[in-house]
Amino acid sequence: MSTVWSIIGAIIAIIIAWWVVNVAFSIAWFLVKAIIAVVVAVAIFGLIKGSLKSKDRDRTR
């Protein structure tokens, strides 16, 4: 009977490990997407700010 419980315990451990790994990778992927979004936002902000500065310089001349 202990062999049956060992097999059931192993199956439950695999299911829990699968769920934990899935959650961990979901969180990691979310963080990677968030970092990429921040980098792209900073680049776009820099382009917009640079574009507006050059228009300001043209107006002052």
N, C-alpha and C. Protein backbone atom coordinates (compact mmCIF):
# COMPACT_ATOMS: atom_id res chain seq x y z
N MET A 1 0.83 -1.21 0.00
CA MET A 1 0.00 0.00 0.00
C MET A 1 0.86 1.26 0.00
N SER A 2 2.06 1.16 0.58
CA SER A 2 2.90 2.36 0.62
C SER A 2 3.41 2.72 -0.78
N THR A 3 3.55 1.73 -1.66
CA THR A 3 3.96 2.02 -3.03
C THR A 3 2.90 2.84 -3.75
N VAL A 4 1.64 2.55 -3.52
CA VAL A 4 0.55 3.31 -4.14
C VAL A 4 0.61 4.75 -3.67
N TRP A 5 0.80 4.95 -2.36
CA TRP A 5 0.87 6.32 -1.83
C TRP A 5 2.11 7.05 -2.34
N SER A 6 3.20 6.33 -2.54
CA SER A 6 4.41 6.95 -3.10
C SER A 6 4.15 7.42 -4.53
N ILE A 7 3.47 6.61 -5.31
CA ILE A 7 3.15 6.98 -6.70
C ILE A 7 2.20 8.17 -6.72
N ILE A 8 1.18 8.15 -5.87
CA ILE A 8 0.24 9.28 -5.79
C ILE A 8 0.96 10.54 -5.34
N GLY A 9 1.85 10.40 -4.35
CA GLY A 9 2.63 11.56 -3.89
C GLY A 9 3.52 12.12 -4.99
N ALA A 10 4.14 11.23 -5.77
CA ALA A 10 4.99 11.68 -6.87
C ALA A 10 4.17 12.41 -7.93
N ILE A 11 2.99 11.89 -8.24
CA ILE A 11 2.12 12.54 -9.23
C ILE A 11 1.69 13.92 -8.73
N ILE A 12 1.31 14.00 -7.46
CA ILE A 12 0.91 15.30 -6.89
C ILE A 12 2.09 16.27 -6.89
N ALA A 13 3.30 15.76 -6.57
CA ALA A 13 4.50 16.62 -6.58
C ALA A 13 4.77 17.15 -7.99
N ILE A 14 4.60 16.30 -9.00
CA ILE A 14 4.82 16.74 -10.38
C ILE A 14 3.80 17.80 -10.77
N ILE A 15 2.54 17.61 -10.39
CA ILE A 15 1.50 18.58 -10.71
C ILE A 15 1.79 19.92 -10.04
N ILE A 16 2.16 19.90 -8.76
CA ILE A 16 2.47 21.14 -8.05
C ILE A 16 3.70 21.81 -8.65
N ALA A 17 4.74 21.02 -8.96
CA ALA A 17 5.95 21.59 -9.56
C ALA A 17 5.63 22.21 -10.92
N TRP A 18 4.80 21.54 -11.71
CA TRP A 18 4.41 22.07 -13.02
C TRP A 18 3.72 23.42 -12.86
N TRP A 19 2.82 23.52 -11.90
CA TRP A 19 2.09 24.76 -11.65
C TRP A 19 3.03 25.87 -11.18
N VAL A 20 3.95 25.53 -10.26
CA VAL A 20 4.89 26.54 -9.74
C VAL A 20 5.80 27.05 -10.86
N VAL A 21 6.30 26.15 -11.69
CA VAL A 21 7.17 26.56 -12.81
C VAL A 21 6.39 27.42 -13.79
N ASN A 22 5.14 27.06 -14.05
CA ASN A 22 4.30 27.85 -14.96
C ASN A 22 4.10 29.26 -14.42
N VAL A 23 3.82 29.37 -13.13
CA VAL A 23 3.64 30.69 -12.51
C VAL A 23 4.95 31.48 -12.56
N ALA A 24 6.06 30.82 -12.25
CA ALA A 24 7.36 31.50 -12.26
C ALA A 24 7.69 32.03 -13.65
N PHE A 25 7.47 31.22 -14.69
CA PHE A 25 7.75 31.68 -16.04
C PHE A 25 6.79 32.78 -16.48
N SER A 26 5.55 32.73 -16.02
CA SER A 26 4.60 33.80 -16.34
C SER A 26 5.06 35.12 -15.73
N ILE A 27 5.50 35.07 -14.49
CA ILE A 27 5.98 36.29 -13.82
C ILE A 27 7.25 36.79 -14.51
N ALA A 28 8.17 35.88 -14.83
CA ALA A 28 9.41 36.27 -15.50
C ALA A 28 9.12 36.90 -16.86
N TRP A 29 8.20 36.30 -17.63
CA TRP A 29 7.86 36.85 -18.95
C TRP A 29 7.21 38.21 -18.81
N PHE A 30 6.37 38.39 -17.78
CA PHE A 30 5.75 39.70 -17.55
C PHE A 30 6.83 40.73 -17.25
N LEU A 31 7.80 40.39 -16.42
CA LEU A 31 8.87 41.33 -16.09
C LEU A 31 9.70 41.68 -17.32
N VAL A 32 9.99 40.69 -18.17
CA VAL A 32 10.75 40.97 -19.39
C VAL A 32 9.96 41.90 -20.30
N LYS A 33 8.65 41.64 -20.46
CA LYS A 33 7.82 42.53 -21.29
C LYS A 33 7.77 43.93 -20.70
N ALA A 34 7.68 44.04 -19.37
CA ALA A 34 7.63 45.35 -18.73
C ALA A 34 8.94 46.11 -18.95
N ILE A 35 10.06 45.43 -18.85
CA ILE A 35 11.36 46.09 -19.06
C ILE A 35 11.48 46.55 -20.51
N ILE A 36 11.08 45.71 -21.45
CA ILE A 36 11.12 46.10 -22.87
C ILE A 36 10.22 47.29 -23.12
N ALA A 37 9.04 47.31 -22.51
CA ALA A 37 8.11 48.43 -22.69
C ALA A 37 8.71 49.72 -22.13
N VAL A 38 9.38 49.64 -20.99
CA VAL A 38 10.00 50.84 -20.41
C VAL A 38 11.11 51.35 -21.32
N VAL A 39 11.93 50.45 -21.86
CA VAL A 39 13.02 50.87 -22.76
C VAL A 39 12.46 51.53 -24.01
N VAL A 40 11.43 50.95 -24.60
CA VAL A 40 10.81 51.53 -25.79
C VAL A 40 10.18 52.87 -25.46
N ALA A 41 9.52 52.98 -24.31
CA ALA A 41 8.89 54.25 -23.92
C ALA A 41 9.94 55.35 -23.73
N VAL A 42 11.07 55.00 -23.12
CA VAL A 42 12.15 56.00 -22.93
C VAL A 42 12.70 56.43 -24.28
N ALA A 43 12.87 55.49 -25.20
CA ALA A 43 13.38 55.84 -26.54
C ALA A 43 12.40 56.75 -27.27
N ILE A 44 11.12 56.44 -27.22
CA ILE A 44 10.11 57.26 -27.87
C ILE A 44 10.04 58.64 -27.22
N PHE A 45 10.12 58.68 -25.89
CA PHE A 45 10.12 59.97 -25.19
C PHE A 45 11.31 60.81 -25.63
N GLY A 46 12.48 60.18 -25.75
CA GLY A 46 13.66 60.92 -26.20
C GLY A 46 13.49 61.45 -27.62
N LEU A 47 12.90 60.64 -28.50
CA LEU A 47 12.68 61.10 -29.88
C LEU A 47 11.70 62.27 -29.91
N ILE A 48 10.62 62.17 -29.14
CA ILE A 48 9.64 63.25 -29.11
C ILE A 48 10.26 64.52 -28.53
N LYS A 49 11.00 64.37 -27.43
CA LYS A 49 11.62 65.53 -26.80
C LYS A 49 12.64 66.18 -27.75
N GLY A 50 13.43 65.35 -28.44
CA GLY A 50 14.40 65.88 -29.40
C GLY A 50 13.71 66.58 -30.56
N SER A 51 12.61 66.03 -31.01
CA SER A 51 11.86 66.63 -32.11
C SER A 51 11.30 67.99 -31.69
N LEU A 52 10.77 68.07 -30.49
CA LEU A 52 10.22 69.33 -30.01
C LEU A 52 11.31 70.37 -29.78
N LYS A 53 12.49 69.94 -29.32
CA LYS A 53 13.59 70.88 -29.12
C LYS A 53 14.04 71.47 -30.44
N SER A 54 14.12 70.65 -31.50
CA SER A 54 14.57 71.17 -32.79
C SER A 54 13.53 72.14 -33.36
N LYS A 55 12.25 71.92 -33.11
CA LYS A 55 11.23 72.85 -33.56
C LYS A 55 11.31 74.16 -32.79
N ASP A 56 11.64 74.09 -31.49
CA ASP A 56 11.81 75.30 -30.70
C ASP A 56 12.99 76.11 -31.20
N ARG A 57 14.07 75.44 -31.57
CA ARG A 57 15.24 76.16 -32.09
C ARG A 57 14.92 76.85 -33.41
N ASP A 58 14.11 76.19 -34.24
CA ASP A 58 13.74 76.80 -35.52
C ASP A 58 12.88 78.04 -35.31
N ARG A 59 12.03 78.03 -34.30
CA ARG A 59 11.16 79.19 -34.04
C ARG A 59 11.95 80.38 -33.49
N THR A 60 12.99 80.14 -32.72
CA THR A 60 13.74 81.24 -32.10
C THR A 60 14.68 81.91 -33.08
N ARG A 61 14.94 81.29 -34.20
CA ARG A 61 15.86 81.91 -35.18
C ARG A 61 15.18 82.94 -36.02
